[in-house]
Amino acid sequence: MAETANVQERQLTLADLTEYFAKGSKPKEAFRVGAEHEKFGFYLGSHKPVPYEGDKGVHARSAFGVAQMPLLMKHLKDPEVPPPPRTDGA
């Protein structure tokens, strides 16, 4: 027989939520310097964001190997330069 969940009779308050998250926090002495940050791709010439889809999108570019990065950078700067061959067999 399945157990039933314990349901609270009152609504959660901001204090309830604050207490819940505070319990999961590290003490200040345990804080360390972190290097988390977001990276946003954009085109150098126009500063437009790089799309995910398409032949010049992030998805297509991820199919190139690291060794081909210089060729890929030339292609991105100058569309007349052919892109390097893909490494994913597509």
C-alpha atoms as a PDB file:
ATOM      1  CA  MET A   1       0.000   0.000   0.000  1.00  0.00           C
ATOM      2  CA  ALA A   2       1.412   3.399  -0.995  1.00  0.00           C
ATOM      3  CA  GLU A   3       2.107   5.967   1.684  1.00  0.00           C
ATOM      4  CA  THR A   4       0.330   9.285   1.495  1.00  0.00           C
ATOM      5  CA  ALA A   5       2.186  12.586   1.422  1.00  0.00           C
ATOM      6  CA  ASN A   6       2.117  14.904   4.416  1.00  0.00           C
ATOM      7  CA  VAL A   7       0.151  17.976   3.299  1.00  0.00           C
ATOM      8  CA  GLN A   8       0.462  21.260   5.134  1.00  0.00           C
ATOM      9  CA  GLU A   9      -2.740  22.972   6.138  1.00  0.00           C
ATOM     10  CA  ARG A  10      -1.367  26.500   5.626  1.00  0.00           C
ATOM     11  CA  GLN A  11       0.163  28.316   2.672  1.00  0.00           C
ATOM     12  CA  LEU A  12       3.898  28.754   2.487  1.00  0.00           C
ATOM     13  CA  THR A  13       5.168  32.182   3.408  1.00  0.00           C
ATOM     14  CA  LEU A  14       8.224  34.108   2.321  1.00  0.00           C
ATOM     15  CA  ALA A  15       9.765  33.301   5.692  1.00  0.00           C
ATOM     16  CA  ASP A  16       9.223  29.558   5.058  1.00  0.00           C
ATOM     17  CA  LEU A  17      10.991  29.755   1.704  1.00  0.00           C
ATOM     18  CA  THR A  18      13.798  31.926   3.045  1.00  0.00           C
ATOM     19  CA  GLU A  19      14.386  29.473   5.901  1.00  0.00           C
ATOM     20  CA  TYR A  20      14.387  26.516   3.492  1.00  0.00           C
ATOM     21  CA  PHE A  21      17.073  28.045   1.252  1.00  0.00           C
ATOM     22  CA  ALA A  22      19.099  29.339   4.205  1.00  0.00           C
ATOM     23  CA  LYS A  23      19.378  25.775   5.543  1.00  0.00           C
ATOM     24  CA  GLY A  24      21.135  24.762   2.295  1.00  0.00           C
ATOM     25  CA  SER A  25      23.609  27.647   2.355  1.00  0.00           C
ATOM     26  CA  LYS A  26      27.274  27.321   3.226  1.00  0.00           C
ATOM     27  CA  PRO A  27      28.622  29.268   6.178  1.00  0.00           C
ATOM     28  CA  LYS A  28      30.427  32.439   5.133  1.00  0.00           C
ATOM     29  CA  GLU A  29      33.781  30.921   6.145  1.00  0.00           C
ATOM     30  CA  ALA A  30      33.323  28.164   3.530  1.00  0.00           C
ATOM     31  CA  PHE A  31      32.802  30.579   0.608  1.00  0.00           C
ATOM     32  CA  ARG A  32      35.371  30.271  -2.190  1.00  0.00           C
ATOM     33  CA  VAL A  33      36.134  32.380  -5.221  1.00  0.00           C
ATOM     34  CA  GLY A  34      34.234  31.034  -8.222  1.00  0.00           C
ATOM     35  CA  ALA A  35      34.791  31.482 -11.921  1.00  0.00           C
ATOM     36  CA  GLU A  36      31.243  30.931 -13.139  1.00  0.00           C
ATOM     37  CA  HIS A  37      30.123  33.234 -15.896  1.00  0.00           C
ATOM     38  CA  GLU A  38      28.071  33.198 -19.043  1.00  0.00           C
ATOM     39  CA  LYS A  39      29.586  33.371 -22.497  1.00  0.00           C
ATOM     40  CA  PHE A  40      27.581  34.877 -25.305  1.00  0.00           C
ATOM     41  CA  GLY A  41      28.523  34.299 -28.919  1.00  0.00           C
ATOM     42  CA  PHE A  42      28.326  37.218 -31.320  1.00  0.00           C
ATOM     43  CA  TYR A  43      29.696  38.159 -34.721  1.00  0.00           C
ATOM     44  CA  LEU A  44      32.684  40.502 -34.582  1.00  0.00           C
ATOM     45  CA  GLY A  45      31.582  42.745 -37.457  1.00  0.00           C
ATOM     46  CA  SER A  46      27.899  43.269 -36.678  1.00  0.00           C
ATOM     47  CA  HIS A  47      27.782  42.263 -32.973  1.00  0.00           C
ATOM     48  CA  LYS A  48      24.642  40.270 -33.781  1.00  0.00           C
ATOM     49  CA  PRO A  49      24.068  37.135 -31.683  1.00  0.00           C
ATOM     50  CA  VAL A  50      25.066  33.807 -33.191  1.00  0.00           C
ATOM     51  CA  PRO A  51      21.935  31.702 -33.870  1.00  0.00           C
ATOM     52  CA  TYR A  52      21.718  28.086 -32.790  1.00  0.00           C
ATOM     53  CA  GLU A  53      20.365  26.732 -36.095  1.00  0.00           C
ATOM     54  CA  GLY A  54      21.656  27.261 -39.636  1.00  0.00           C
ATOM     55  CA  ASP A  55      24.968  26.729 -41.407  1.00  0.00           C
ATOM     56  CA  LYS A  56      26.655  29.448 -39.338  1.00  0.00           C
ATOM     57  CA  GLY A  57      24.850  28.574 -36.105  1.00  0.00           C
ATOM     58  CA  VAL A  58      26.286  27.210 -32.886  1.00  0.00           C
ATOM     59  CA  HIS A  59      25.003  23.715 -33.649  1.00  0.00           C
ATOM     60  CA  ALA A  60      26.804  23.571 -36.997  1.00  0.00           C
ATOM     61  CA  ARG A  61      30.005  24.991 -35.557  1.00  0.00           C
ATOM     62  CA  SER A  62      30.132  22.433 -32.762  1.00  0.00           C
ATOM     63  CA  ALA A  63      30.611  19.748 -35.428  1.00  0.00           C
ATOM     64  CA  PHE A  64      34.101  21.070 -36.223  1.00  0.00           C
ATOM     65  CA  GLY A  65      37.128  19.728 -34.421  1.00  0.00           C
ATOM     66  CA  VAL A  66      39.398  21.890 -32.276  1.00  0.00           C
ATOM     67  CA  ALA A  67      42.283  21.400 -34.717  1.00  0.00           C
ATOM     68  CA  GLN A  68      40.178  23.085 -37.410  1.00  0.00           C
ATOM     69  CA  MET A  69      39.406  26.165 -35.318  1.00  0.00           C
ATOM     70  CA  PRO A  70      41.803  28.490 -37.222  1.00  0.00           C
ATOM     71  CA  LEU A  71      40.096  27.565 -40.513  1.00  0.00           C
ATOM     72  CA  LEU A  72      36.687  28.036 -38.956  1.00  0.00           C
ATOM     73  CA  MET A  73      37.662  31.482 -37.626  1.00  0.00           C
ATOM     74  CA  LYS A  74      38.773  32.534 -41.130  1.00  0.00           C
ATOM     75  CA  HIS A  75      35.435  31.350 -42.517  1.00  0.00           C
ATOM     76  CA  LEU A  76      33.499  33.277 -39.874  1.00  0.00           C
ATOM     77  CA  LYS A  77      35.385  36.486 -40.583  1.00  0.00           C
ATOM     78  CA  ASP A  78      35.130  36.095 -44.344  1.00  0.00           C
ATOM     79  CA  PRO A  79      32.165  34.130 -45.748  1.00  0.00           C
ATOM     80  CA  GLU A  80      34.048  33.771 -49.059  1.00  0.00           C
ATOM     81  CA  VAL A  81      36.522  31.434 -47.330  1.00  0.00           C
ATOM     82  CA  PRO A  82      35.081  27.893 -47.396  1.00  0.00           C
ATOM     83  CA  PRO A  83      34.342  26.296 -44.026  1.00  0.00           C
ATOM     84  CA  PRO A  84      36.550  23.445 -42.832  1.00  0.00           C
ATOM     85  CA  PRO A  85      35.243  19.894 -43.258  1.00  0.00           C
ATOM     86  CA  ARG A  86      32.956  18.670 -40.499  1.00  0.00           C
ATOM     87  CA  THR A  87      34.169  15.941 -38.144  1.00  0.00           C
ATOM     88  CA  ASP A  88      30.747  14.457 -37.373  1.00  0.00           C
ATOM     89  CA  GLY A  89      30.325  12.792 -40.766  1.00  0.00           C
ATOM     90  CA  ALA A  90      27.428  15.053 -41.836  1.00  0.00           C
END
